[in-house]
Amino acid sequence: MPFSFSKKIAIDLGTANSLVYVVGEGIVLDEPTVVAVSVTDGKVLAVGKDAQSMLGRTPGNIKASKPMRDGVIADYAVTEAMLKYFLRKVGAYGLFKPEVMICVPAGVTQVERRAVLGAAIEAGARNAYLIEEPLAAAIGAGVPIAEPSGNMILDMGGGASEAAVISLGGVVTFKSVRVAGNKIDEAIMKWARRKHNLVIGEQTAEHVKIKIGSAMPVPHEETIEVTGRDSIAGLPRQVTVSSTDVFEAIREPLGKIIQMLKTVMEEVPPELSSDIIDKGIVMSGGTAMLRGFDRLITQETGVPAFVAEDSQRCVIKGIGIAIENLDVYRNSLKH
């Protein structure tokens, strides 16, 4: 391998979390995709964990925002500032500009693609490459993507869920739906408001989902105490939420993900369909860790589904492998 002074950096710009991988060092950064900006002059005040702690708590002159929405850039300037922060934090500045690879959803438009590449170059990258998220997830999950057989991946992050069939190093067919972890959290927030007149925040809803959430009915009821604001009296109040409540609350968003998955399966060429039935559906992303979700997918589609090892990090690992072996994966990349 020729010696290179410039670092090779993989970035997974997620709606909820962003991860940075440096070739030779591994994952060096895993922070929430949140940026705190000064309203008066637009200056970035904090990024990641520091900015997340400000969410919902900021004074009028500071705005804590999430620059990625549903898996794509919603605020270009803020995303660029965040990329700059990441590159600086991993020591990629100096004489030699880094090579950077960023993943994008399979369905992004040419305009969105250019926006990501532009933001990376503006942030200080020497070269920037894009890889489609389902491909990165498949590489990271150890799926042999170059083979002429079909592999199905369902990648579910914070903002979007994508199902793709991959063969010969490329995406044969895919669908994405802007329903994933965030929409599941929102469903819990809406349920609390409708059922208990209780207003709870995103972080509380996510905590409930992680602790007692399940995609299938659980044999033993679990409960958790949830504190929020009474929407009528306006005062703090605590209610007990059960796992059955959460199961009911999140059925709709899960149903949308499964519907999208079925649509992809209907479009798969028959030669690849039998491969998928044999190999099953590989699930990756943070939302794949929702208890019982693999069983629900198997029940609804008739195809075995299983969660990839270290599913939350499949995408970043895949981007890291791809940038480290650029020559091997060059044909699979987006330009």
C-alpha atoms as a PDB file:
ATOM      1  CA  MET A   1       0.000   0.000   0.000  1.00  0.00           C
ATOM      2  CA  PRO A   2       1.538   3.348  -1.050  1.00  0.00           C
ATOM      3  CA  PHE A   3       2.241   5.626   1.885  1.00  0.00           C
ATOM      4  CA  SER A   4      -0.025   8.653   2.016  1.00  0.00           C
ATOM      5  CA  PHE A   5       0.258  11.631   4.326  1.00  0.00           C
ATOM      6  CA  SER A   6      -3.394  12.603   3.982  1.00  0.00           C
ATOM      7  CA  LYS A   7      -5.912  10.871   6.175  1.00  0.00           C
ATOM      8  CA  LYS A   8      -8.758   8.829   4.765  1.00  0.00           C
ATOM      9  CA  ILE A   9     -11.916   9.648   6.613  1.00  0.00           C
ATOM     10  CA  ALA A  10     -15.352   8.021   6.487  1.00  0.00           C
ATOM     11  CA  ILE A  11     -18.349  10.002   7.724  1.00  0.00           C
ATOM     12  CA  ASP A  12     -21.841   8.743   8.438  1.00  0.00           C
ATOM     13  CA  LEU A  13     -23.980  11.875   8.651  1.00  0.00           C
ATOM     14  CA  GLY A  14     -27.019  10.444  10.337  1.00  0.00           C
ATOM     15  CA  THR A  15     -30.227  12.236  11.192  1.00  0.00           C
ATOM     16  CA  ALA A  16     -29.769  11.308  14.855  1.00  0.00           C
ATOM     17  CA  ASN A  17     -26.038  10.540  15.248  1.00  0.00           C
ATOM     18  CA  SER A  18     -22.934  11.189  13.199  1.00  0.00           C
ATOM     19  CA  LEU A  19     -19.961   8.845  13.247  1.00  0.00           C
ATOM     20  CA  VAL A  20     -16.446   9.444  11.950  1.00  0.00           C
ATOM     21  CA  TYR A  21     -13.994   6.680  11.062  1.00  0.00           C
ATOM     22  CA  VAL A  22     -10.331   7.278  10.278  1.00  0.00           C
ATOM     23  CA  VAL A  23      -8.519   4.566   8.315  1.00  0.00           C
ATOM     24  CA  GLY A  24      -5.891   3.027  10.589  1.00  0.00           C
ATOM     25  CA  GLU A  25      -7.573   4.335  13.749  1.00  0.00           C
ATOM     26  CA  GLY A  26     -11.159   3.056  13.597  1.00  0.00           C
ATOM     27  CA  ILE A  27     -14.224   4.949  14.825  1.00  0.00           C
ATOM     28  CA  VAL A  28     -12.925   8.115  16.449  1.00  0.00           C
ATOM     29  CA  LEU A  29     -16.118  10.070  16.938  1.00  0.00           C
ATOM     30  CA  ASP A  30     -19.768   9.246  17.649  1.00  0.00           C
ATOM     31  CA  GLU A  31     -21.866  12.286  18.481  1.00  0.00           C
ATOM     32  CA  PRO A  32     -25.465  13.471  18.087  1.00  0.00           C
ATOM     33  CA  THR A  33     -26.129  15.361  14.835  1.00  0.00           C
ATOM     34  CA  VAL A  34     -27.032  18.611  16.580  1.00  0.00           C
ATOM     35  CA  VAL A  35     -25.592  22.076  16.104  1.00  0.00           C
ATOM     36  CA  ALA A  36     -26.162  25.126  18.322  1.00  0.00           C
ATOM     37  CA  VAL A  37     -26.127  28.362  16.319  1.00  0.00           C
ATOM     38  CA  SER A  38     -26.198  31.982  17.468  1.00  0.00           C
ATOM     39  CA  VAL A  39     -29.327  33.620  16.051  1.00  0.00           C
ATOM     40  CA  THR A  40     -27.713  37.077  15.877  1.00  0.00           C
ATOM     41  CA  ASP A  41     -24.664  36.315  13.719  1.00  0.00           C
ATOM     42  CA  GLY A  42     -25.185  32.697  12.618  1.00  0.00           C
ATOM     43  CA  LYS A  43     -21.991  31.518  14.331  1.00  0.00           C
ATOM     44  CA  VAL A  44     -21.768  27.891  15.361  1.00  0.00           C
ATOM     45  CA  LEU A  45     -21.449  27.742  19.152  1.00  0.00           C
ATOM     46  CA  ALA A  46     -21.470  23.999  19.805  1.00  0.00           C
ATOM     47  CA  VAL A  47     -21.678  20.711  17.931  1.00  0.00           C
ATOM     48  CA  GLY A  48     -22.622  17.185  18.956  1.00  0.00           C
ATOM     49  CA  LYS A  49     -23.028  16.269  22.620  1.00  0.00           C
ATOM     50  CA  ASP A  50     -22.522  19.867  23.809  1.00  0.00           C
ATOM     51  CA  ALA A  51     -25.223  21.097  21.441  1.00  0.00           C
ATOM     52  CA  GLN A  52     -27.603  18.259  22.290  1.00  0.00           C
ATOM     53  CA  SER A  53     -27.579  19.213  25.939  1.00  0.00           C
ATOM     54  CA  MET A  54     -28.959  22.598  24.778  1.00  0.00           C
ATOM     55  CA  LEU A  55     -31.917  21.124  22.827  1.00  0.00           C
ATOM     56  CA  GLY A  56     -35.171  22.507  24.166  1.00  0.00           C
ATOM     57  CA  ARG A  57     -33.262  24.493  26.799  1.00  0.00           C
ATOM     58  CA  THR A  58     -31.749  27.354  24.814  1.00  0.00           C
ATOM     59  CA  PRO A  59     -32.332  31.065  25.413  1.00  0.00           C
ATOM     60  CA  GLY A  60     -33.837  33.102  22.568  1.00  0.00           C
ATOM     61  CA  ASN A  61     -30.508  34.080  21.012  1.00  0.00           C
ATOM     62  CA  ILE A  62     -29.273  30.474  20.577  1.00  0.00           C
ATOM     63  CA  LYS A  63     -30.900  27.942  18.273  1.00  0.00           C
ATOM     64  CA  ALA A  64     -30.084  24.242  18.635  1.00  0.00           C
ATOM     65  CA  SER A  65     -30.946  22.562  15.359  1.00  0.00           C
ATOM     66  CA  LYS A  66     -30.627  19.228  13.600  1.00  0.00           C
ATOM     67  CA  PRO A  67     -29.132  19.967  10.185  1.00  0.00           C
ATOM     68  CA  MET A  68     -30.125  16.577   8.747  1.00  0.00           C
ATOM     69  CA  ARG A  69     -33.776  15.791   8.230  1.00  0.00           C
ATOM     70  CA  ASP A  70     -35.055  12.405   7.054  1.00  0.00           C
ATOM     71  CA  GLY A  71     -31.523  11.393   6.083  1.00  0.00           C
ATOM     72  CA  VAL A  72     -30.746  14.398   3.846  1.00  0.00           C
ATOM     73  CA  ILE A  73     -29.241  17.859   4.367  1.00  0.00           C
ATOM     74  CA  ALA A  74     -31.902  20.289   5.564  1.00  0.00           C
ATOM     75  CA  ASP A  75     -29.532  23.149   6.417  1.00  0.00           C
ATOM     76  CA  TYR A  76     -26.515  23.422   4.143  1.00  0.00           C
ATOM     77  CA  ALA A  77     -24.499  26.059   6.050  1.00  0.00           C
ATOM     78  CA  VAL A  78     -24.918  24.285   9.369  1.00  0.00           C
ATOM     79  CA  THR A  79     -23.980  20.908   7.841  1.00  0.00           C
ATOM     80  CA  GLU A  80     -20.815  22.425   6.383  1.00  0.00           C
ATOM     81  CA  ALA A  81     -19.912  23.878   9.790  1.00  0.00           C
ATOM     82  CA  MET A  82     -20.504  20.483  11.368  1.00  0.00           C
ATOM     83  CA  LEU A  83     -18.250  18.729   8.822  1.00  0.00           C
ATOM     84  CA  LYS A  84     -15.532  21.327   9.496  1.00  0.00           C
ATOM     85  CA  TYR A  85     -15.849  20.633  13.222  1.00  0.00           C
ATOM     86  CA  PHE A  86     -15.558  16.863  12.660  1.00  0.00           C
ATOM     87  CA  LEU A  87     -12.497  17.180  10.415  1.00  0.00           C
ATOM     88  CA  ARG A  88     -10.792  19.524  12.852  1.00  0.00           C
ATOM     89  CA  LYS A  89     -11.612  17.288  15.792  1.00  0.00           C
ATOM     90  CA  VAL A  90     -10.004  14.235  14.181  1.00  0.00           C
ATOM     91  CA  GLY A  91      -6.914  16.265  13.283  1.00  0.00           C
ATOM     92  CA  ALA A  92      -7.489  16.280   9.537  1.00  0.00           C
ATOM     93  CA  TYR A  93      -6.322  19.835   9.057  1.00  0.00           C
ATOM     94  CA  GLY A  94      -2.838  20.940   8.232  1.00  0.00           C
ATOM     95  CA  LEU A  95      -0.653  20.505   5.215  1.00  0.00           C
ATOM     96  CA  PHE A  96      -2.384  17.465   3.776  1.00  0.00           C
ATOM     97  CA  LYS A  97      -6.110  17.673   3.139  1.00  0.00           C
ATOM     98  CA  PRO A  98      -7.985  14.450   3.838  1.00  0.00           C
ATOM     99  CA  GLU A  99      -9.877  12.198   1.471  1.00  0.00           C
ATOM    100  CA  VAL A 100     -13.437  11.953   2.701  1.00  0.00           C
ATOM    101  CA  MET A 101     -16.258   9.532   1.961  1.00  0.00           C
ATOM    102  CA  ILE A 102     -19.788  10.266   3.095  1.00  0.00           C
ATOM    103  CA  CYS A 103     -22.844   8.083   2.774  1.00  0.00           C
ATOM    104  CA  VAL A 104     -26.131   9.312   1.338  1.00  0.00           C
ATOM    105  CA  PRO A 105     -29.564   7.644   1.119  1.00  0.00           C
ATOM    106  CA  ALA A 106     -30.033   5.607  -2.071  1.00  0.00           C
ATOM    107  CA  GLY A 107     -32.807   7.908  -3.247  1.00  0.00           C
ATOM    108  CA  VAL A 108     -31.077  11.292  -3.022  1.00  0.00           C
ATOM    109  CA  THR A 109     -31.414  13.666  -5.957  1.00  0.00           C
ATOM    110  CA  GLN A 110     -28.508  14.998  -8.001  1.00  0.00           C
ATOM    111  CA  VAL A 111     -28.942  18.364  -6.236  1.00  0.00           C
ATOM    112  CA  GLU A 112     -28.759  16.796  -2.777  1.00  0.00           C
ATOM    113  CA  ARG A 113     -25.728  14.778  -3.872  1.00  0.00           C
ATOM    114  CA  ARG A 114     -23.919  17.913  -5.035  1.00  0.00           C
ATOM    115  CA  ALA A 115     -24.818  19.642  -1.764  1.00  0.00           C
ATOM    116  CA  VAL A 116     -23.096  16.905   0.282  1.00  0.00           C
ATOM    117  CA  LEU A 117     -19.998  16.862  -1.945  1.00  0.00           C
ATOM    118  CA  GLY A 118     -19.848  20.671  -1.916  1.00  0.00           C
ATOM    119  CA  ALA A 119     -20.146  20.791   1.878  1.00  0.00           C
ATOM    120  CA  ALA A 120     -17.304  18.250   2.228  1.00  0.00           C
ATOM    121  CA  ILE A 121     -14.974  20.145  -0.131  1.00  0.00           C
ATOM    122  CA  GLU A 122     -15.812  23.482   1.553  1.00  0.00           C
ATOM    123  CA  ALA A 123     -15.110  21.871   4.921  1.00  0.00           C
ATOM    124  CA  GLY A 124     -11.572  21.047   3.776  1.00  0.00           C
ATOM    125  CA  ALA A 125     -11.604  17.697   1.974  1.00  0.00           C
ATOM    126  CA  ARG A 126      -9.128  17.147  -0.855  1.00  0.00           C
ATOM    127  CA  ASN A 127     -11.390  14.613  -2.547  1.00  0.00           C
ATOM    128  CA  ALA A 128     -14.926  13.673  -1.575  1.00  0.00           C
ATOM    129  CA  TYR A 129     -16.779  10.507  -2.493  1.00  0.00           C
ATOM    130  CA  LEU A 130     -20.344   9.410  -1.865  1.00  0.00           C
ATOM    131  CA  ILE A 131     -21.590   5.904  -1.176  1.00  0.00           C
ATOM    132  CA  GLU A 132     -25.214   4.838  -0.948  1.00  0.00           C
ATOM    133  CA  GLU A 133     -26.291   3.979   2.561  1.00  0.00           C
ATOM    134  CA  PRO A 134     -27.701   0.478   1.870  1.00  0.00           C
ATOM    135  CA  LEU A 135     -24.431  -0.455   0.122  1.00  0.00           C
ATOM    136  CA  ALA A 136     -22.351   0.847   3.025  1.00  0.00           C
ATOM    137  CA  ALA A 137     -24.588  -0.990   5.506  1.00  0.00           C
ATOM    138  CA  ALA A 138     -24.255  -4.221   3.509  1.00  0.00           C
ATOM    139  CA  ILE A 139     -20.446  -3.939   3.321  1.00  0.00           C
ATOM    140  CA  GLY A 140     -20.294  -3.219   7.064  1.00  0.00           C
ATOM    141  CA  ALA A 141     -22.577  -6.167   7.831  1.00  0.00           C
ATOM    142  CA  GLY A 142     -20.212  -8.479   5.951  1.00  0.00           C
ATOM    143  CA  VAL A 143     -22.598  -9.114   3.045  1.00  0.00           C
ATOM    144  CA  PRO A 144     -20.651 -10.243  -0.065  1.00  0.00           C
ATOM    145  CA  ILE A 145     -22.003  -7.471  -2.314  1.00  0.00           C
ATOM    146  CA  ALA A 146     -19.860  -8.250  -5.362  1.00  0.00           C
ATOM    147  CA  GLU A 147     -21.379 -11.693  -5.942  1.00  0.00           C
ATOM    148  CA  PRO A 148     -23.988 -12.189  -8.676  1.00  0.00           C
ATOM    149  CA  SER A 149     -26.598 -13.298  -6.149  1.00  0.00           C
ATOM    150  CA  GLY A 150     -29.219 -11.115  -4.471  1.00  0.00           C
ATOM    151  CA  ASN A 151     -28.788  -9.767  -0.956  1.00  0.00           C
ATOM    152  CA  MET A 152     -31.448  -7.760   0.813  1.00  0.00           C
ATOM    153  CA  ILE A 153     -30.646  -5.131   3.400  1.00  0.00           C
ATOM    154  CA  LEU A 154     -33.021  -3.063   5.514  1.00  0.00           C
ATOM    155  CA  ASP A 155     -31.197  -0.097   6.988  1.00  0.00           C
ATOM    156  CA  MET A 156     -33.125   1.930   9.567  1.00  0.00           C
ATOM    157  CA  GLY A 157     -31.564   4.937  11.217  1.00  0.00           C
ATOM    158  CA  GLY A 158     -33.075   7.991  12.842  1.00  0.00           C
ATOM    159  CA  GLY A 159     -34.650   9.749   9.858  1.00  0.00           C
ATOM    160  CA  ALA A 160     -35.228   7.207   7.125  1.00  0.00           C
ATOM    161  CA  SER A 161     -35.538   3.487   6.486  1.00  0.00           C
ATOM    162  CA  GLU A 162     -34.217   2.033   3.255  1.00  0.00           C
ATOM    163  CA  ALA A 163     -34.645  -1.422   1.847  1.00  0.00           C
ATOM    164  CA  ALA A 164     -32.408  -2.434  -1.028  1.00  0.00           C
ATOM    165  CA  VAL A 165     -31.554  -5.492  -3.023  1.00  0.00           C
ATOM    166  CA  ILE A 166     -27.864  -5.595  -3.880  1.00  0.00           C
ATOM    167  CA  SER A 167     -26.170  -7.707  -6.514  1.00  0.00           C
ATOM    168  CA  LEU A 168     -22.863  -7.416  -8.388  1.00  0.00           C
ATOM    169  CA  GLY A 169     -21.748  -4.478  -6.242  1.00  0.00           C
ATOM    170  CA  GLY A 170     -24.749  -2.277  -7.021  1.00  0.00           C
ATOM    171  CA  VAL A 171     -28.285  -1.533  -5.877  1.00  0.00           C
ATOM    172  CA  VAL A 172     -30.743  -3.446  -8.092  1.00  0.00           C
ATOM    173  CA  THR A 173     -33.902  -2.039  -6.563  1.00  0.00           C
ATOM    174  CA  PHE A 174     -34.615   0.039  -3.471  1.00  0.00           C
ATOM    175  CA  LYS A 175     -37.290   1.997  -1.688  1.00  0.00           C
ATOM    176  CA  SER A 176     -37.018   4.386   1.182  1.00  0.00           C
ATOM    177  CA  VAL A 177     -39.554   5.783   3.560  1.00  0.00           C
ATOM    178  CA  ARG A 178     -38.972   8.739   5.831  1.00  0.00           C
ATOM    179  CA  VAL A 179     -40.023   6.722   8.833  1.00  0.00           C
ATOM    180  CA  ALA A 180     -37.452   5.392  11.316  1.00  0.00           C
ATOM    181  CA  GLY A 181     -36.337   6.003  14.902  1.00  0.00           C
ATOM    182  CA  ASN A 182     -37.504   9.634  15.034  1.00  0.00           C
ATOM    183  CA  LYS A 183     -41.031   8.829  13.798  1.00  0.00           C
ATOM    184  CA  ILE A 184     -41.270   5.988  16.323  1.00  0.00           C
ATOM    185  CA  ASP A 185     -40.310   8.472  19.080  1.00  0.00           C
ATOM    186  CA  GLU A 186     -42.894  10.933  17.730  1.00  0.00           C
ATOM    187  CA  ALA A 187     -45.559   8.224  17.819  1.00  0.00           C
ATOM    188  CA  ILE A 188     -44.823   7.699  21.537  1.00  0.00           C
ATOM    189  CA  MET A 189     -45.017  11.477  22.128  1.00  0.00           C
ATOM    190  CA  LYS A 190     -48.381  11.698  20.312  1.00  0.00           C
ATOM    191  CA  TRP A 191     -49.735   8.711  22.217  1.00  0.00           C
ATOM    192  CA  ALA A 192     -48.759  10.264  25.601  1.00  0.00           C
ATOM    193  CA  ARG A 193     -50.519  13.482  24.628  1.00  0.00           C
ATOM    194  CA  ARG A 194     -53.647  11.754  23.319  1.00  0.00           C
ATOM    195  CA  LYS A 195     -53.987   9.233  26.140  1.00  0.00           C
ATOM    196  CA  HIS A 196     -52.713  11.169  29.157  1.00  0.00           C
ATOM    197  CA  ASN A 197     -52.678  14.850  28.051  1.00  0.00           C
ATOM    198  CA  LEU A 198     -48.977  14.626  28.784  1.00  0.00           C
ATOM    199  CA  VAL A 199     -46.396  16.528  26.763  1.00  0.00           C
ATOM    200  CA  ILE A 200     -43.047  14.729  26.694  1.00  0.00           C
ATOM    201  CA  GLY A 201     -39.830  15.554  24.854  1.00  0.00           C
ATOM    202  CA  GLU A 202     -37.992  13.585  22.161  1.00  0.00           C
ATOM    203  CA  GLN A 203     -35.314  12.334  24.545  1.00  0.00           C
ATOM    204  CA  THR A 204     -37.934  11.036  27.006  1.00  0.00           C
ATOM    205  CA  ALA A 205     -39.791   9.253  24.198  1.00  0.00           C
ATOM    206  CA  GLU A 206     -36.563   7.666  22.973  1.00  0.00           C
ATOM    207  CA  HIS A 207     -35.752   6.515  26.514  1.00  0.00           C
ATOM    208  CA  VAL A 208     -39.182   4.834  26.765  1.00  0.00           C
ATOM    209  CA  LYS A 209     -38.668   3.133  23.380  1.00  0.00           C
ATOM    210  CA  ILE A 210     -35.254   1.767  24.347  1.00  0.00           C
ATOM    211  CA  LYS A 211     -36.307   0.623  27.815  1.00  0.00           C
ATOM    212  CA  ILE A 212     -39.675  -1.055  27.182  1.00  0.00           C
ATOM    213  CA  GLY A 213     -40.402  -0.694  23.452  1.00  0.00           C
ATOM    214  CA  SER A 214     -41.248  -3.816  21.443  1.00  0.00           C
ATOM    215  CA  ALA A 215     -42.500  -4.512  17.927  1.00  0.00           C
ATOM    216  CA  MET A 216     -44.315  -7.645  19.152  1.00  0.00           C
ATOM    217  CA  PRO A 217     -46.498  -8.175  22.241  1.00  0.00           C
ATOM    218  CA  VAL A 218     -44.281  -9.087  25.191  1.00  0.00           C
ATOM    219  CA  PRO A 219     -45.094 -12.073  27.435  1.00  0.00           C
ATOM    220  CA  HIS A 220     -44.362 -10.163  30.657  1.00  0.00           C
ATOM    221  CA  GLU A 221     -45.682  -6.650  31.049  1.00  0.00           C
ATOM    222  CA  GLU A 222     -43.040  -4.018  31.818  1.00  0.00           C
ATOM    223  CA  THR A 223     -43.647  -0.476  33.027  1.00  0.00           C
ATOM    224  CA  ILE A 224     -41.734   2.770  33.285  1.00  0.00           C
ATOM    225  CA  GLU A 225     -42.445   6.077  35.021  1.00  0.00           C
ATOM    226  CA  VAL A 226     -42.579   8.997  32.581  1.00  0.00           C
ATOM    227  CA  THR A 227     -42.512  12.653  33.584  1.00  0.00           C
ATOM    228  CA  GLY A 228     -43.842  15.396  31.359  1.00  0.00           C
ATOM    229  CA  ARG A 229     -45.981  18.518  31.366  1.00  0.00           C
ATOM    230  CA  ASP A 230     -49.731  18.287  31.759  1.00  0.00           C
ATOM    231  CA  SER A 231     -51.084  19.890  28.576  1.00  0.00           C
ATOM    232  CA  ILE A 232     -54.164  21.222  30.379  1.00  0.00           C
ATOM    233  CA  ALA A 233     -52.860  22.315  33.796  1.00  0.00           C
ATOM    234  CA  GLY A 234     -49.385  23.146  32.453  1.00  0.00           C
ATOM    235  CA  LEU A 235     -47.723  21.554  35.489  1.00  0.00           C
ATOM    236  CA  PRO A 236     -45.242  18.659  35.673  1.00  0.00           C
ATOM    237  CA  ARG A 237     -46.873  15.255  36.079  1.00  0.00           C
ATOM    238  CA  GLN A 238     -45.780  11.631  36.156  1.00  0.00           C
ATOM    239  CA  VAL A 239     -47.580   8.672  34.574  1.00  0.00           C
ATOM    240  CA  THR A 240     -46.849   4.955  34.362  1.00  0.00           C
ATOM    241  CA  VAL A 241     -46.450   3.627  30.826  1.00  0.00           C
ATOM    242  CA  SER A 242     -46.543  -0.098  30.028  1.00  0.00           C
ATOM    243  CA  SER A 243     -44.867  -2.085  27.249  1.00  0.00           C
ATOM    244  CA  THR A 244     -48.338  -2.832  25.789  1.00  0.00           C
ATOM    245  CA  ASP A 245     -48.977   0.927  25.586  1.00  0.00           C
ATOM    246  CA  VAL A 246     -45.742   1.442  23.663  1.00  0.00           C
ATOM    247  CA  PHE A 247     -46.493  -1.533  21.395  1.00  0.00           C
ATOM    248  CA  GLU A 248     -49.854   0.055  20.502  1.00  0.00           C
ATOM    249  CA  ALA A 249     -48.302   3.514  20.083  1.00  0.00           C
ATOM    250  CA  ILE A 250     -45.635   2.454  17.577  1.00  0.00           C
ATOM    251  CA  ARG A 251     -47.638   0.049  15.407  1.00  0.00           C
ATOM    252  CA  GLU A 252     -48.353   2.616  12.704  1.00  0.00           C
ATOM    253  CA  PRO A 253     -44.763   3.713  11.910  1.00  0.00           C
ATOM    254  CA  LEU A 254     -43.576   0.076  11.995  1.00  0.00           C
ATOM    255  CA  GLY A 255     -46.380  -0.822   9.591  1.00  0.00           C
ATOM    256  CA  LYS A 256     -45.121   1.811   7.129  1.00  0.00           C
ATOM    257  CA  ILE A 257     -41.592   0.347   7.197  1.00  0.00           C
ATOM    258  CA  ILE A 258     -42.963  -3.158   6.560  1.00  0.00           C
ATOM    259  CA  GLN A 259     -45.167  -1.899   3.721  1.00  0.00           C
ATOM    260  CA  MET A 260     -42.101  -0.322   2.081  1.00  0.00           C
ATOM    261  CA  LEU A 261     -40.199  -3.597   2.508  1.00  0.00           C
ATOM    262  CA  LYS A 262     -43.002  -5.549   0.801  1.00  0.00           C
ATOM    263  CA  THR A 263     -43.007  -3.081  -2.115  1.00  0.00           C
ATOM    264  CA  VAL A 264     -39.290  -3.709  -2.693  1.00  0.00           C
ATOM    265  CA  MET A 265     -39.826  -7.465  -2.560  1.00  0.00           C
ATOM    266  CA  GLU A 266     -42.528  -7.210  -5.223  1.00  0.00           C
ATOM    267  CA  GLU A 267     -40.062  -5.466  -7.554  1.00  0.00           C
ATOM    268  CA  VAL A 268     -37.207  -7.933  -7.168  1.00  0.00           C
ATOM    269  CA  PRO A 269     -36.349  -9.891 -10.330  1.00  0.00           C
ATOM    270  CA  PRO A 270     -37.468 -13.525  -9.869  1.00  0.00           C
ATOM    271  CA  GLU A 271     -33.887 -14.843 -10.153  1.00  0.00           C
ATOM    272  CA  LEU A 272     -32.893 -12.809  -7.093  1.00  0.00           C
ATOM    273  CA  SER A 273     -36.082 -13.534  -5.103  1.00  0.00           C
ATOM    274  CA  SER A 274     -35.046 -17.108  -4.367  1.00  0.00           C
ATOM    275  CA  ASP A 275     -31.627 -15.837  -3.130  1.00  0.00           C
ATOM    276  CA  ILE A 276     -33.368 -13.534  -0.685  1.00  0.00           C
ATOM    277  CA  ILE A 277     -35.650 -16.290   0.631  1.00  0.00           C
ATOM    278  CA  ASP A 278     -32.542 -18.460   1.163  1.00  0.00           C
ATOM    279  CA  LYS A 279     -30.371 -15.775   2.783  1.00  0.00           C
ATOM    280  CA  GLY A 280     -33.000 -13.686   4.557  1.00  0.00           C
ATOM    281  CA  ILE A 281     -33.149  -9.959   5.186  1.00  0.00           C
ATOM    282  CA  VAL A 282     -30.199  -8.316   6.939  1.00  0.00           C
ATOM    283  CA  MET A 283     -31.325  -5.520   9.304  1.00  0.00           C
ATOM    284  CA  SER A 284     -28.956  -2.687  10.191  1.00  0.00           C
ATOM    285  CA  GLY A 285     -29.123   0.705  11.890  1.00  0.00           C
ATOM    286  CA  GLY A 286     -30.179   1.720  15.383  1.00  0.00           C
ATOM    287  CA  THR A 287     -33.890   1.019  14.789  1.00  0.00           C
ATOM    288  CA  ALA A 288     -33.074  -2.614  13.925  1.00  0.00           C
ATOM    289  CA  MET A 289     -32.373  -3.058  17.638  1.00  0.00           C
ATOM    290  CA  LEU A 290     -36.015  -2.510  18.566  1.00  0.00           C
ATOM    291  CA  ARG A 291     -37.012  -5.662  20.395  1.00  0.00           C
ATOM    292  CA  GLY A 292     -38.979  -8.175  18.336  1.00  0.00           C
ATOM    293  CA  PHE A 293     -38.712  -6.190  15.104  1.00  0.00           C
ATOM    294  CA  ASP A 294     -36.905  -9.040  13.318  1.00  0.00           C
ATOM    295  CA  ARG A 295     -39.683 -11.458  14.356  1.00  0.00           C
ATOM    296  CA  LEU A 296     -42.377  -9.037  13.166  1.00  0.00           C
ATOM    297  CA  ILE A 297     -40.713  -8.719   9.731  1.00  0.00           C
ATOM    298  CA  THR A 298     -40.394 -12.507   9.421  1.00  0.00           C
ATOM    299  CA  GLN A 299     -44.064 -12.881  10.374  1.00  0.00           C
ATOM    300  CA  GLU A 300     -45.249 -10.204   7.931  1.00  0.00           C
ATOM    301  CA  THR A 301     -43.092 -11.119   4.919  1.00  0.00           C
ATOM    302  CA  GLY A 302     -42.493 -14.831   5.347  1.00  0.00           C
ATOM    303  CA  VAL A 303     -38.770 -14.196   4.841  1.00  0.00           C
ATOM    304  CA  PRO A 304     -36.326 -14.742   7.726  1.00  0.00           C
ATOM    305  CA  ALA A 305     -34.949 -11.450   9.047  1.00  0.00           C
ATOM    306  CA  PHE A 306     -31.981 -11.054  11.344  1.00  0.00           C
ATOM    307  CA  VAL A 307     -30.164  -8.130  12.929  1.00  0.00           C
ATOM    308  CA  ALA A 308     -26.582  -7.607  11.766  1.00  0.00           C
ATOM    309  CA  GLU A 309     -23.822  -7.713  14.346  1.00  0.00           C
ATOM    310  CA  ASP A 310     -23.180  -4.226  15.824  1.00  0.00           C
ATOM    311  CA  SER A 311     -26.067  -3.004  13.655  1.00  0.00           C
ATOM    312  CA  GLN A 312     -25.719   0.630  14.722  1.00  0.00           C
ATOM    313  CA  ARG A 313     -22.224   0.785  13.270  1.00  0.00           C
ATOM    314  CA  CYS A 314     -22.681  -1.213  10.054  1.00  0.00           C
ATOM    315  CA  VAL A 315     -22.878   1.914   7.896  1.00  0.00           C
ATOM    316  CA  ILE A 316     -19.778   3.632   9.294  1.00  0.00           C
ATOM    317  CA  LYS A 317     -17.795   0.365   9.143  1.00  0.00           C
ATOM    318  CA  GLY A 318     -18.890  -0.111   5.529  1.00  0.00           C
ATOM    319  CA  ILE A 319     -17.845   3.417   4.519  1.00  0.00           C
ATOM    320  CA  GLY A 320     -14.507   2.842   6.253  1.00  0.00           C
ATOM    321  CA  ILE A 321     -13.907  -0.403   4.346  1.00  0.00           C
ATOM    322  CA  ALA A 322     -14.918   1.276   1.056  1.00  0.00           C
ATOM    323  CA  ILE A 323     -12.576   4.270   1.410  1.00  0.00           C
ATOM    324  CA  GLU A 324      -9.744   2.010   2.554  1.00  0.00           C
ATOM    325  CA  ASN A 325     -10.229  -0.153  -0.544  1.00  0.00           C
ATOM    326  CA  LEU A 326     -11.191   2.533  -3.037  1.00  0.00           C
ATOM    327  CA  ASP A 327      -9.998   0.603  -6.082  1.00  0.00           C
ATOM    328  CA  VAL A 328     -12.192  -2.377  -5.196  1.00  0.00           C
ATOM    329  CA  TYR A 329     -15.331  -0.323  -4.549  1.00  0.00           C
ATOM    330  CA  ARG A 330     -14.857   2.578  -6.992  1.00  0.00           C
ATOM    331  CA  ASN A 331     -17.514   1.246  -9.386  1.00  0.00           C
ATOM    332  CA  SER A 332     -20.071   1.084  -6.579  1.00  0.00           C
ATOM    333  CA  LEU A 333     -19.637   4.761  -5.657  1.00  0.00           C
ATOM    334  CA  LYS A 334     -21.845   7.690  -6.580  1.00  0.00           C
ATOM    335  CA  HIS A 335     -20.410  10.585  -8.531  1.00  0.00           C
END
